[in-house]
Amino acid sequence: AIPGAEDRDVFRERVLRGFTRIADAHPDEQVAVVVHGGVIGA
């Protein structure tokens, strides 16, 4: 809704893609991911 901001679906797909890739790289492991408030919310 903000002028020129990232598309809602593009943002959510990107976030899920990133966390899925991280999860795929670490089966049965704990990792720490330092991110931002909007990313956490998504």
Full PDB file with SEQRES, HELIX, SHEET, SSBOND, CRYST1, ORIGX, SCALE, CONECT and MASTER records, all heavy atoms in Angstrom:
SEQRES   1 A   42  ALA ILE PRO GLY ALA GLU ASP ARG ASP VAL PHE ARG GLU          
SEQRES   2 A   42  ARG VAL LEU ARG GLY PHE THR ARG ILE ALA ASP ALA HIS          
SEQRES   3 A   42  PRO ASP GLU GLN VAL ALA VAL VAL VAL HIS GLY GLY VAL          
SEQRES   4 A   42  ILE GLY ALA                                                  
HELIX    1 AA1 ARG A    8  ALA A   25  1                                  18    
HELIX    2 AA2 GLY A   37  GLY A   41  1                                   5    
CRYST1    1.000    1.000    1.000  90.00  90.00  90.00 P 1           1          
ORIGX1      1.000000  0.000000  0.000000        0.00000                         
ORIGX2      0.000000  1.000000  0.000000        0.00000                         
ORIGX3      0.000000  0.000000  1.000000        0.00000                         
SCALE1      1.000000  0.000000  0.000000        0.00000                         
SCALE2      0.000000  1.000000  0.000000        0.00000                         
SCALE3      0.000000  0.000000  1.000000        0.00000                         
ATOM      1  N   ALA A   1       0.836  -1.205   0.000  1.00  0.00           N  
ATOM      2  CA  ALA A   1       0.000   0.000   0.000  1.00  0.00           C  
ATOM      3  C   ALA A   1       0.869   1.252   0.000  1.00  0.00           C  
ATOM      4  O   ALA A   1       0.415   2.343  -0.335  1.00  0.00           O  
ATOM      5  CB  ALA A   1      -0.923   0.000   1.219  1.00  0.00           C  
ATOM      6  N   ILE A   2       2.144   1.094   0.377  1.00  0.00           N  
ATOM      7  CA  ILE A   2       3.117   2.186   0.348  1.00  0.00           C  
ATOM      8  C   ILE A   2       3.595   2.369  -1.098  1.00  0.00           C  
ATOM      9  O   ILE A   2       3.866   1.375  -1.790  1.00  0.00           O  
ATOM     10  CB  ILE A   2       4.316   1.856   1.260  1.00  0.00           C  
ATOM     11  CG1 ILE A   2       3.858   1.763   2.716  1.00  0.00           C  
ATOM     12  CG2 ILE A   2       5.436   2.875   1.095  1.00  0.00           C  
ATOM     13  CD1 ILE A   2       4.919   1.211   3.640  1.00  0.00           C  
ATOM     14  N   PRO A   3       3.715   3.601  -1.578  1.00  0.00           N  
ATOM     15  CA  PRO A   3       4.143   3.832  -2.971  1.00  0.00           C  
ATOM     16  C   PRO A   3       5.481   3.172  -3.294  1.00  0.00           C  
ATOM     17  O   PRO A   3       6.484   3.427  -2.630  1.00  0.00           O  
ATOM     18  CB  PRO A   3       4.250   5.358  -3.065  1.00  0.00           C  
ATOM     19  CG  PRO A   3       3.333   5.870  -2.002  1.00  0.00           C  
ATOM     20  CD  PRO A   3       3.408   4.872  -0.877  1.00  0.00           C  
ATOM     21  N   GLY A   4       5.476   2.301  -4.284  1.00  0.00           N  
ATOM     22  CA  GLY A   4       6.705   1.665  -4.740  1.00  0.00           C  
ATOM     23  C   GLY A   4       7.208   0.534  -3.875  1.00  0.00           C  
ATOM     24  O   GLY A   4       8.290  -0.019  -4.141  1.00  0.00           O  
ATOM     25  N   ALA A   5       6.470   0.153  -2.822  1.00  0.00           N  
ATOM     26  CA  ALA A   5       6.943  -0.888  -1.911  1.00  0.00           C  
ATOM     27  C   ALA A   5       6.883  -2.264  -2.566  1.00  0.00           C  
ATOM     28  O   ALA A   5       6.200  -2.482  -3.565  1.00  0.00           O  
ATOM     29  CB  ALA A   5       6.118  -0.883  -0.629  1.00  0.00           C  
ATOM     30  N   GLU A   6       7.602  -3.189  -1.972  1.00  0.00           N  
ATOM     31  CA  GLU A   6       7.678  -4.554  -2.483  1.00  0.00           C  
ATOM     32  C   GLU A   6       6.296  -5.207  -2.488  1.00  0.00           C  
ATOM     33  O   GLU A   6       5.536  -5.096  -1.527  1.00  0.00           O  
ATOM     34  CB  GLU A   6       8.641  -5.361  -1.609  1.00  0.00           C  
ATOM     35  CG  GLU A   6       8.951  -6.748  -2.119  1.00  0.00           C  
ATOM     36  CD  GLU A   6      10.081  -7.414  -1.335  1.00  0.00           C  
ATOM     37  OE1 GLU A   6      10.522  -6.848  -0.311  1.00  0.00           O  
ATOM     38  OE2 GLU A   6      10.534  -8.504  -1.751  1.00  0.00           O  
ATOM     39  N   ASP A   7       6.016  -5.909  -3.563  1.00  0.00           N  
ATOM     40  CA  ASP A   7       4.733  -6.581  -3.702  1.00  0.00           C  
ATOM     41  C   ASP A   7       4.518  -7.580  -2.568  1.00  0.00           C  
ATOM     42  O   ASP A   7       5.454  -8.292  -2.160  1.00  0.00           O  
ATOM     43  CB  ASP A   7       4.686  -7.311  -5.041  1.00  0.00           C  
ATOM     44  CG  ASP A   7       3.409  -8.102  -5.244  1.00  0.00           C  
ATOM     45  OD1 ASP A   7       2.386  -7.496  -5.600  1.00  0.00           O  
ATOM     46  OD2 ASP A   7       3.445  -9.333  -5.019  1.00  0.00           O  
ATOM     47  N   ARG A   8       3.316  -7.646  -2.064  1.00  0.00           N  
ATOM     48  CA  ARG A   8       2.991  -8.493  -0.916  1.00  0.00           C  
ATOM     49  C   ARG A   8       3.360  -9.956  -1.158  1.00  0.00           C  
ATOM     50  O   ARG A   8       4.024 -10.597  -0.341  1.00  0.00           O  
ATOM     51  CB  ARG A   8       1.501  -8.353  -0.602  1.00  0.00           C  
ATOM     52  CG  ARG A   8       1.032  -9.196   0.584  1.00  0.00           C  
ATOM     53  CD  ARG A   8       0.217 -10.386   0.153  1.00  0.00           C  
ATOM     54  NE  ARG A   8      -0.377 -11.065   1.280  1.00  0.00           N  
ATOM     55  CZ  ARG A   8      -0.897 -12.277   1.206  1.00  0.00           C  
ATOM     56  NH1 ARG A   8      -0.916 -12.921   0.046  1.00  0.00           N  
ATOM     57  NH2 ARG A   8      -1.421 -12.854   2.280  1.00  0.00           N  
ATOM     58  N   ASP A   9       2.947 -10.504  -2.280  1.00  0.00           N  
ATOM     59  CA  ASP A   9       3.205 -11.919  -2.553  1.00  0.00           C  
ATOM     60  C   ASP A   9       4.684 -12.178  -2.818  1.00  0.00           C  
ATOM     61  O   ASP A   9       5.229 -13.211  -2.399  1.00  0.00           O  
ATOM     62  CB  ASP A   9       2.365 -12.392  -3.738  1.00  0.00           C  
ATOM     63  CG  ASP A   9       0.873 -12.387  -3.438  1.00  0.00           C  
ATOM     64  OD1 ASP A   9       0.498 -12.503  -2.238  1.00  0.00           O  
ATOM     65  OD2 ASP A   9       0.072 -12.248  -4.380  1.00  0.00           O  
ATOM     66  N   VAL A  10       5.345 -11.246  -3.494  1.00  0.00           N  
ATOM     67  CA  VAL A  10       6.777 -11.395  -3.763  1.00  0.00           C  
ATOM     68  C   VAL A  10       7.557 -11.426  -2.454  1.00  0.00           C  
ATOM     69  O   VAL A  10       8.463 -12.255  -2.264  1.00  0.00           O  
ATOM     70  CB  VAL A  10       7.274 -10.251  -4.668  1.00  0.00           C  
ATOM     71  CG1 VAL A  10       8.805 -10.243  -4.754  1.00  0.00           C  
ATOM     72  CG2 VAL A  10       6.671 -10.370  -6.059  1.00  0.00           C  
ATOM     73  N   PHE A  11       7.210 -10.540  -1.529  1.00  0.00           N  
ATOM     74  CA  PHE A  11       7.894 -10.482  -0.234  1.00  0.00           C  
ATOM     75  C   PHE A  11       7.707 -11.788   0.538  1.00  0.00           C  
ATOM     76  O   PHE A  11       8.666 -12.387   1.041  1.00  0.00           O  
ATOM     77  CB  PHE A  11       7.362  -9.301   0.571  1.00  0.00           C  
ATOM     78  CG  PHE A  11       7.863  -9.224   1.984  1.00  0.00           C  
ATOM     79  CD1 PHE A  11       9.226  -9.252   2.259  1.00  0.00           C  
ATOM     80  CD2 PHE A  11       6.980  -9.101   3.055  1.00  0.00           C  
ATOM     81  CE1 PHE A  11       9.703  -9.170   3.566  1.00  0.00           C  
ATOM     82  CE2 PHE A  11       7.433  -9.016   4.352  1.00  0.00           C  
ATOM     83  CZ  PHE A  11       8.792  -9.058   4.609  1.00  0.00           C  
ATOM     84  N   ARG A  12       6.482 -12.256   0.642  1.00  0.00           N  
ATOM     85  CA  ARG A  12       6.211 -13.464   1.409  1.00  0.00           C  
ATOM     86  C   ARG A  12       6.858 -14.692   0.774  1.00  0.00           C  
ATOM     87  O   ARG A  12       7.410 -15.548   1.483  1.00  0.00           O  
ATOM     88  CB  ARG A  12       4.701 -13.649   1.552  1.00  0.00           C  
ATOM     89  CG  ARG A  12       4.080 -12.624   2.486  1.00  0.00           C  
ATOM     90  CD  ARG A  12       2.566 -12.590   2.373  1.00  0.00           C  
ATOM     91  NE  ARG A  12       1.937 -13.802   2.835  1.00  0.00           N  
ATOM     92  CZ  ARG A  12       1.607 -14.046   4.107  1.00  0.00           C  
ATOM     93  NH1 ARG A  12       1.883 -13.150   5.049  1.00  0.00           N  
ATOM     94  NH2 ARG A  12       0.999 -15.170   4.443  1.00  0.00           N  
ATOM     95  N   GLU A  13       6.835 -14.774  -0.541  1.00  0.00           N  
ATOM     96  CA  GLU A  13       7.503 -15.893  -1.218  1.00  0.00           C  
ATOM     97  C   GLU A  13       9.007 -15.858  -0.986  1.00  0.00           C  
ATOM     98  O   GLU A  13       9.649 -16.903  -0.795  1.00  0.00           O  
ATOM     99  CB  GLU A  13       7.190 -15.849  -2.711  1.00  0.00           C  
ATOM    100  CG  GLU A  13       5.747 -16.199  -3.047  1.00  0.00           C  
ATOM    101  CD  GLU A  13       5.395 -15.904  -4.490  1.00  0.00           C  
ATOM    102  OE1 GLU A  13       6.312 -15.503  -5.259  1.00  0.00           O  
ATOM    103  OE2 GLU A  13       4.216 -16.047  -4.856  1.00  0.00           O  
ATOM    104  N   ARG A  14       9.569 -14.651  -1.000  1.00  0.00           N  
ATOM    105  CA  ARG A  14      11.019 -14.515  -0.762  1.00  0.00           C  
ATOM    106  C   ARG A  14      11.396 -14.969   0.639  1.00  0.00           C  
ATOM    107  O   ARG A  14      12.377 -15.714   0.834  1.00  0.00           O  
ATOM    108  CB  ARG A  14      11.423 -13.050  -0.990  1.00  0.00           C  
ATOM    109  CG  ARG A  14      12.801 -12.696  -0.479  1.00  0.00           C  
ATOM    110  CD  ARG A  14      13.260 -11.344  -0.939  1.00  0.00           C  
ATOM    111  NE  ARG A  14      12.549 -10.205  -0.409  1.00  0.00           N  
ATOM    112  CZ  ARG A  14      12.731  -9.686   0.805  1.00  0.00           C  
ATOM    113  NH1 ARG A  14      13.556 -10.273   1.663  1.00  0.00           N  
ATOM    114  NH2 ARG A  14      12.078  -8.598   1.183  1.00  0.00           N  
ATOM    115  N   VAL A  15      10.631 -14.520   1.629  1.00  0.00           N  
ATOM    116  CA  VAL A  15      10.930 -14.882   3.013  1.00  0.00           C  
ATOM    117  C   VAL A  15      10.832 -16.393   3.209  1.00  0.00           C  
ATOM    118  O   VAL A  15      11.729 -17.020   3.797  1.00  0.00           O  
ATOM    119  CB  VAL A  15       9.975 -14.143   3.971  1.00  0.00           C  
ATOM    120  CG1 VAL A  15      10.072 -14.723   5.389  1.00  0.00           C  
ATOM    121  CG2 VAL A  15      10.287 -12.657   3.988  1.00  0.00           C  
ATOM    122  N   LEU A  16       9.757 -16.995   2.733  1.00  0.00           N  
ATOM    123  CA  LEU A  16       9.606 -18.438   2.897  1.00  0.00           C  
ATOM    124  C   LEU A  16      10.696 -19.192   2.154  1.00  0.00           C  
ATOM    125  O   LEU A  16      11.227 -20.201   2.649  1.00  0.00           O  
ATOM    126  CB  LEU A  16       8.225 -18.881   2.406  1.00  0.00           C  
ATOM    127  CG  LEU A  16       7.908 -20.365   2.603  1.00  0.00           C  
ATOM    128  CD1 LEU A  16       7.982 -20.749   4.071  1.00  0.00           C  
ATOM    129  CD2 LEU A  16       6.534 -20.699   2.033  1.00  0.00           C  
ATOM    130  N   ARG A  17      11.070 -18.705   0.968  1.00  0.00           N  
ATOM    131  CA  ARG A  17      12.145 -19.340   0.206  1.00  0.00           C  
ATOM    132  C   ARG A  17      13.458 -19.311   0.994  1.00  0.00           C  
ATOM    133  O   ARG A  17      14.174 -20.313   1.070  1.00  0.00           O  
ATOM    134  CB  ARG A  17      12.316 -18.632  -1.135  1.00  0.00           C  
ATOM    135  CG  ARG A  17      13.402 -19.234  -2.016  1.00  0.00           C  
ATOM    136  CD  ARG A  17      13.408 -18.587  -3.399  1.00  0.00           C  
ATOM    137  NE  ARG A  17      13.747 -17.166  -3.345  1.00  0.00           N  
ATOM    138  CZ  ARG A  17      12.922 -16.188  -3.714  1.00  0.00           C  
ATOM    139  NH1 ARG A  17      11.705 -16.466  -4.154  1.00  0.00           N  
ATOM    140  NH2 ARG A  17      13.300 -14.915  -3.653  1.00  0.00           N  
ATOM    141  N   GLY A  18      13.763 -18.173   1.610  1.00  0.00           N  
ATOM    142  CA  GLY A  18      14.995 -18.068   2.368  1.00  0.00           C  
ATOM    143  C   GLY A  18      15.031 -19.001   3.561  1.00  0.00           C  
ATOM    144  O   GLY A  18      16.027 -19.719   3.785  1.00  0.00           O  
ATOM    145  N   PHE A  19      13.957 -19.034   4.335  1.00  0.00           N  
ATOM    146  CA  PHE A  19      13.938 -19.897   5.512  1.00  0.00           C  
ATOM    147  C   PHE A  19      13.870 -21.370   5.137  1.00  0.00           C  
ATOM    148  O   PHE A  19      14.449 -22.222   5.829  1.00  0.00           O  
ATOM    149  CB  PHE A  19      12.775 -19.514   6.426  1.00  0.00           C  
ATOM    150  CG  PHE A  19      13.086 -18.337   7.301  1.00  0.00           C  
ATOM    151  CD1 PHE A  19      12.783 -17.055   6.891  1.00  0.00           C  
ATOM    152  CD2 PHE A  19      13.704 -18.512   8.526  1.00  0.00           C  
ATOM    153  CE1 PHE A  19      13.082 -15.962   7.690  1.00  0.00           C  
ATOM    154  CE2 PHE A  19      14.017 -17.444   9.331  1.00  0.00           C  
ATOM    155  CZ  PHE A  19      13.703 -16.146   8.916  1.00  0.00           C  
ATOM    156  N   THR A  20      13.197 -21.676   4.046  1.00  0.00           N  
ATOM    157  CA  THR A  20      13.167 -23.070   3.596  1.00  0.00           C  
ATOM    158  C   THR A  20      14.557 -23.523   3.177  1.00  0.00           C  
ATOM    159  O   THR A  20      14.978 -24.648   3.491  1.00  0.00           O  
ATOM    160  CB  THR A  20      12.182 -23.225   2.427  1.00  0.00           C  
ATOM    161  OG1 THR A  20      10.861 -22.881   2.865  1.00  0.00           O  
ATOM    162  CG2 THR A  20      12.173 -24.659   1.909  1.00  0.00           C  
ATOM    163  N   ARG A  21      15.276 -22.656   2.482  1.00  0.00           N  
ATOM    164  CA  ARG A  21      16.641 -23.007   2.071  1.00  0.00           C  
ATOM    165  C   ARG A  21      17.533 -23.229   3.293  1.00  0.00           C  
ATOM    166  O   ARG A  21      18.338 -24.165   3.332  1.00  0.00           O  
ATOM    167  CB  ARG A  21      17.212 -21.899   1.181  1.00  0.00           C  
ATOM    168  CG  ARG A  21      18.622 -22.188   0.695  1.00  0.00           C  
ATOM    169  CD  ARG A  21      19.053 -21.214  -0.402  1.00  0.00           C  
ATOM    170  NE  ARG A  21      18.932 -19.835   0.024  1.00  0.00           N  
ATOM    171  CZ  ARG A  21      18.058 -18.964  -0.489  1.00  0.00           C  
ATOM    172  NH1 ARG A  21      17.219 -19.351  -1.451  1.00  0.00           N  
ATOM    173  NH2 ARG A  21      18.012 -17.721  -0.072  1.00  0.00           N  
ATOM    174  N   ILE A  22      17.392 -22.380   4.289  1.00  0.00           N  
ATOM    175  CA  ILE A  22      18.185 -22.545   5.513  1.00  0.00           C  
ATOM    176  C   ILE A  22      17.826 -23.857   6.198  1.00  0.00           C  
ATOM    177  O   ILE A  22      18.705 -24.609   6.643  1.00  0.00           O  
ATOM    178  CB  ILE A  22      17.959 -21.349   6.458  1.00  0.00           C  
ATOM    179  CG1 ILE A  22      18.551 -20.070   5.844  1.00  0.00           C  
ATOM    180  CG2 ILE A  22      18.573 -21.618   7.825  1.00  0.00           C  
ATOM    181  CD1 ILE A  22      18.167 -18.797   6.584  1.00  0.00           C  
ATOM    182  N   ALA A  23      16.536 -24.144   6.297  1.00  0.00           N  
ATOM    183  CA  ALA A  23      16.104 -25.385   6.933  1.00  0.00           C  
ATOM    184  C   ALA A  23      16.627 -26.598   6.171  1.00  0.00           C  
ATOM    185  O   ALA A  23      17.065 -27.585   6.774  1.00  0.00           O  
ATOM    186  CB  ALA A  23      14.582 -25.425   7.012  1.00  0.00           C  
ATOM    187  N   ASP A  24      16.598 -26.529   4.843  1.00  0.00           N  
ATOM    188  CA  ASP A  24      17.082 -27.644   4.036  1.00  0.00           C  
ATOM    189  C   ASP A  24      18.569 -27.920   4.285  1.00  0.00           C  
ATOM    190  O   ASP A  24      19.014 -29.065   4.189  1.00  0.00           O  
ATOM    191  CB  ASP A  24      16.875 -27.353   2.545  1.00  0.00           C  
ATOM    192  CG  ASP A  24      15.422 -27.470   2.120  1.00  0.00           C  
ATOM    193  OD1 ASP A  24      14.619 -28.050   2.885  1.00  0.00           O  
ATOM    194  OD2 ASP A  24      15.079 -26.960   1.028  1.00  0.00           O  
ATOM    195  N   ALA A  25      19.313 -26.873   4.599  1.00  0.00           N  
ATOM    196  CA  ALA A  25      20.760 -27.027   4.801  1.00  0.00           C  
ATOM    197  C   ALA A  25      21.107 -27.559   6.185  1.00  0.00           C  
ATOM    198  O   ALA A  25      22.258 -27.937   6.425  1.00  0.00           O  
ATOM    199  CB  ALA A  25      21.461 -25.678   4.575  1.00  0.00           C  
ATOM    200  N   HIS A  26      20.118 -27.615   7.094  1.00  0.00           N  
ATOM    201  CA  HIS A  26      20.426 -27.981   8.482  1.00  0.00           C  
ATOM    202  C   HIS A  26      19.399 -28.950   9.065  1.00  0.00           C  
ATOM    203  O   HIS A  26      18.731 -28.641  10.062  1.00  0.00           O  
ATOM    204  CB  HIS A  26      20.497 -26.714   9.335  1.00  0.00           C  
ATOM    205  CG  HIS A  26      21.571 -25.771   8.918  1.00  0.00           C  
ATOM    206  ND1 HIS A  26      22.901 -25.928   9.273  1.00  0.00           N  
ATOM    207  CD2 HIS A  26      21.522 -24.659   8.131  1.00  0.00           C  
ATOM    208  CE1 HIS A  26      23.624 -24.959   8.741  1.00  0.00           C  
ATOM    209  NE2 HIS A  26      22.816 -24.178   8.045  1.00  0.00           N  
ATOM    210  N   PRO A  27      19.276 -30.149   8.489  1.00  0.00           N  
ATOM    211  CA  PRO A  27      18.356 -31.119   9.089  1.00  0.00           C  
ATOM    212  C   PRO A  27      18.822 -31.510  10.489  1.00  0.00           C  
ATOM    213  O   PRO A  27      20.013 -31.679  10.723  1.00  0.00           O  
ATOM    214  CB  PRO A  27      18.417 -32.301   8.127  1.00  0.00           C  
ATOM    215  CG  PRO A  27      19.735 -32.174   7.441  1.00  0.00           C  
ATOM    216  CD  PRO A  27      19.990 -30.699   7.334  1.00  0.00           C  
ATOM    217  N   ASP A  28      17.884 -31.593  11.409  1.00  0.00           N  
ATOM    218  CA  ASP A  28      18.192 -32.007  12.785  1.00  0.00           C  
ATOM    219  C   ASP A  28      19.171 -31.072  13.483  1.00  0.00           C  
ATOM    220  O   ASP A  28      19.914 -31.496  14.377  1.00  0.00           O  
ATOM    221  CB  ASP A  28      18.751 -33.435  12.815  1.00  0.00           C  
ATOM    222  CG  ASP A  28      17.694 -34.455  12.472  1.00  0.00           C  
ATOM    223  OD1 ASP A  28      16.542 -34.285  12.912  1.00  0.00           O  
ATOM    224  OD2 ASP A  28      18.010 -35.424  11.762  1.00  0.00           O  
ATOM    225  N   GLU A  29      19.220 -29.812  13.080  1.00  0.00           N  
ATOM    226  CA  GLU A  29      20.140 -28.858  13.697  1.00  0.00           C  
ATOM    227  C   GLU A  29      19.395 -27.591  14.103  1.00  0.00           C  
ATOM    228  O   GLU A  29      18.325 -27.288  13.588  1.00  0.00           O  
ATOM    229  CB  GLU A  29      21.281 -28.502  12.734  1.00  0.00           C  
ATOM    230  CG  GLU A  29      22.219 -29.642  12.448  1.00  0.00           C  
ATOM    231  CD  GLU A  29      23.354 -29.242  11.519  1.00  0.00           C  
ATOM    232  OE1 GLU A  29      23.141 -28.357  10.659  1.00  0.00           O  
ATOM    233  OE2 GLU A  29      24.438 -29.815  11.638  1.00  0.00           O  
ATOM    234  N   GLN A  30      20.019 -26.866  15.025  1.00  0.00           N  
ATOM    235  CA  GLN A  30      19.525 -25.545  15.403  1.00  0.00           C  
ATOM    236  C   GLN A  30      20.409 -24.495  14.742  1.00  0.00           C  
ATOM    237  O   GLN A  30      21.626 -24.630  14.707  1.00  0.00           O  
ATOM    238  CB  GLN A  30      19.584 -25.348  16.924  1.00  0.00           C  
ATOM    239  CG  GLN A  30      18.628 -26.228  17.701  1.00  0.00           C  
ATOM    240  CD  GLN A  30      18.688 -25.948  19.191  1.00  0.00           C  
ATOM    241  OE1 GLN A  30      19.399 -25.050  19.637  1.00  0.00           O  
ATOM    242  NE2 GLN A  30      17.945 -26.714  19.960  1.00  0.00           N  
ATOM    243  N   VAL A  31      19.766 -23.463  14.219  1.00  0.00           N  
ATOM    244  CA  VAL A  31      20.515 -22.346  13.660  1.00  0.00           C  
ATOM    245  C   VAL A  31      19.919 -21.052  14.190  1.00  0.00           C  
ATOM    246  O   VAL A  31      18.746 -21.006  14.561  1.00  0.00           O  
ATOM    247  CB  VAL A  31      20.484 -22.354  12.112  1.00  0.00           C  
ATOM    248  CG1 VAL A  31      21.102 -23.627  11.572  1.00  0.00           C  
ATOM    249  CG2 VAL A  31      19.075 -22.185  11.592  1.00  0.00           C  
ATOM    250  N   ALA A  32      20.713 -20.020  14.231  1.00  0.00           N  
ATOM    251  CA  ALA A  32      20.238 -18.688  14.614  1.00  0.00           C  
ATOM    252  C   ALA A  32      20.170 -17.829  13.360  1.00  0.00           C  
ATOM    253  O   ALA A  32      21.112 -17.806  12.566  1.00  0.00           O  
ATOM    254  CB  ALA A  32      21.185 -18.051  15.636  1.00  0.00           C  
ATOM    255  N   VAL A  33      19.042 -17.154  13.175  1.00  0.00           N  
ATOM    256  CA  VAL A  33      18.845 -16.310  12.002  1.00  0.00           C  
ATOM    257  C   VAL A  33      18.522 -14.902  12.483  1.00  0.00           C  
ATOM    258  O   VAL A  33      17.500 -14.689  13.135  1.00  0.00           O  
ATOM    259  CB  VAL A  33      17.699 -16.846  11.116  1.00  0.00           C  
ATOM    260  CG1 VAL A  33      17.604 -16.043   9.831  1.00  0.00           C  
ATOM    261  CG2 VAL A  33      17.899 -18.324  10.815  1.00  0.00           C  
ATOM    262  N   VAL A  34      19.390 -13.969  12.190  1.00  0.00           N  
ATOM    263  CA  VAL A  34      19.211 -12.592  12.670  1.00  0.00           C  
ATOM    264  C   VAL A  34      18.560 -11.784  11.557  1.00  0.00           C  
ATOM    265  O   VAL A  34      19.161 -11.546  10.510  1.00  0.00           O  
ATOM    266  CB  VAL A  34      20.567 -11.977  13.069  1.00  0.00           C  
ATOM    267  CG1 VAL A  34      20.354 -10.599  13.671  1.00  0.00           C  
ATOM    268  CG2 VAL A  34      21.276 -12.877  14.088  1.00  0.00           C  
ATOM    269  N   VAL A  35      17.305 -11.391  11.791  1.00  0.00           N  
ATOM    270  CA  VAL A  35      16.543 -10.748  10.732  1.00  0.00           C  
ATOM    271  C   VAL A  35      15.796  -9.525  11.251  1.00  0.00           C  
ATOM    272  O   VAL A  35      16.126  -8.983  12.305  1.00  0.00           O  
ATOM    273  CB  VAL A  35      15.567 -11.751  10.071  1.00  0.00           C  
ATOM    274  CG1 VAL A  35      16.339 -12.762   9.261  1.00  0.00           C  
ATOM    275  CG2 VAL A  35      14.709 -12.454  11.106  1.00  0.00           C  
ATOM    276  N   HIS A  36      14.765  -9.104  10.510  1.00  0.00           N  
ATOM    277  CA  HIS A  36      14.078  -7.848  10.753  1.00  0.00           C  
ATOM    278  C   HIS A  36      12.620  -8.087  11.133  1.00  0.00           C  
ATOM    279  O   HIS A  36      12.053  -9.149  10.869  1.00  0.00           O  
ATOM    280  CB  HIS A  36      14.140  -6.963   9.503  1.00  0.00           C  
ATOM    281  CG  HIS A  36      15.519  -6.829   8.948  1.00  0.00           C  
ATOM    282  ND1 HIS A  36      16.366  -5.800   9.293  1.00  0.00           N  
ATOM    283  CD2 HIS A  36      16.217  -7.614   8.079  1.00  0.00           C  
ATOM    284  CE1 HIS A  36      17.526  -5.952   8.657  1.00  0.00           C  
ATOM    285  NE2 HIS A  36      17.458  -7.037   7.919  1.00  0.00           N  
ATOM    286  N   GLY A  37      12.003  -7.047  11.703  1.00  0.00           N  
ATOM    287  CA  GLY A  37      10.638  -7.186  12.184  1.00  0.00           C  
ATOM    288  C   GLY A  37       9.639  -7.574  11.122  1.00  0.00           C  
ATOM    289  O   GLY A  37       8.754  -8.406  11.349  1.00  0.00           O  
ATOM    290  N   GLY A  38       9.746  -6.983   9.921  1.00  0.00           N  
ATOM    291  CA  GLY A  38       8.827  -7.329   8.851  1.00  0.00           C  
ATOM    292  C   GLY A  38       8.995  -8.765   8.393  1.00  0.00           C  
ATOM    293  O   GLY A  38       8.023  -9.445   8.046  1.00  0.00           O  
ATOM    294  N   VAL A  39      10.240  -9.239   8.387  1.00  0.00           N  
ATOM    295  CA  VAL A  39      10.531 -10.612   7.982  1.00  0.00           C  
ATOM    296  C   VAL A  39       9.962 -11.592   8.999  1.00  0.00           C  
ATOM    297  O   VAL A  39       9.347 -12.608   8.639  1.00  0.00           O  
ATOM    298  CB  VAL A  39      12.052 -10.816   7.817  1.00  0.00           C  
ATOM    299  CG1 VAL A  39      12.380 -12.285   7.579  1.00  0.00           C  
ATOM    300  CG2 VAL A  39      12.581  -9.963   6.679  1.00  0.00           C  
ATOM    301  N   ILE A  40      10.154 -11.291  10.281  1.00  0.00           N  
ATOM    302  CA  ILE A  40       9.599 -12.154  11.323  1.00  0.00           C  
ATOM    303  C   ILE A  40       8.079 -12.215  11.209  1.00  0.00           C  
ATOM    304  O   ILE A  40       7.475 -13.288  11.262  1.00  0.00           O  
ATOM    305  CB  ILE A  40      10.011 -11.639  12.712  1.00  0.00           C  
ATOM    306  CG1 ILE A  40      11.514 -11.820  12.915  1.00  0.00           C  
ATOM    307  CG2 ILE A  40       9.239 -12.364  13.810  1.00  0.00           C  
ATOM    308  CD1 ILE A  40      12.050 -11.129  14.130  1.00  0.00           C  
ATOM    309  N   GLY A  41       7.460 -11.056  11.039  1.00  0.00           N  
ATOM    310  CA  GLY A  41       6.013 -11.025  10.912  1.00  0.00           C  
ATOM    311  C   GLY A  41       5.525 -11.847   9.732  1.00  0.00           C  
ATOM    312  O   GLY A  41       4.532 -12.576   9.830  1.00  0.00           O  
ATOM    313  N   ALA A  42       6.228 -11.747   8.596  1.00  0.00           N  
ATOM    314  CA  ALA A  42       5.833 -12.497   7.404  1.00  0.00           C  
ATOM    315  C   ALA A  42       5.980 -13.992   7.621  1.00  0.00           C  
ATOM    316  O   ALA A  42       5.072 -14.774   7.317  1.00  0.00           O  
ATOM    317  CB  ALA A  42       6.666 -12.045   6.205  1.00  0.00           C  
TER     318      ALA A  42                                                      
MASTER        0    0    0    2    0    0    0    6  317    1    0    4          
END                                                                             
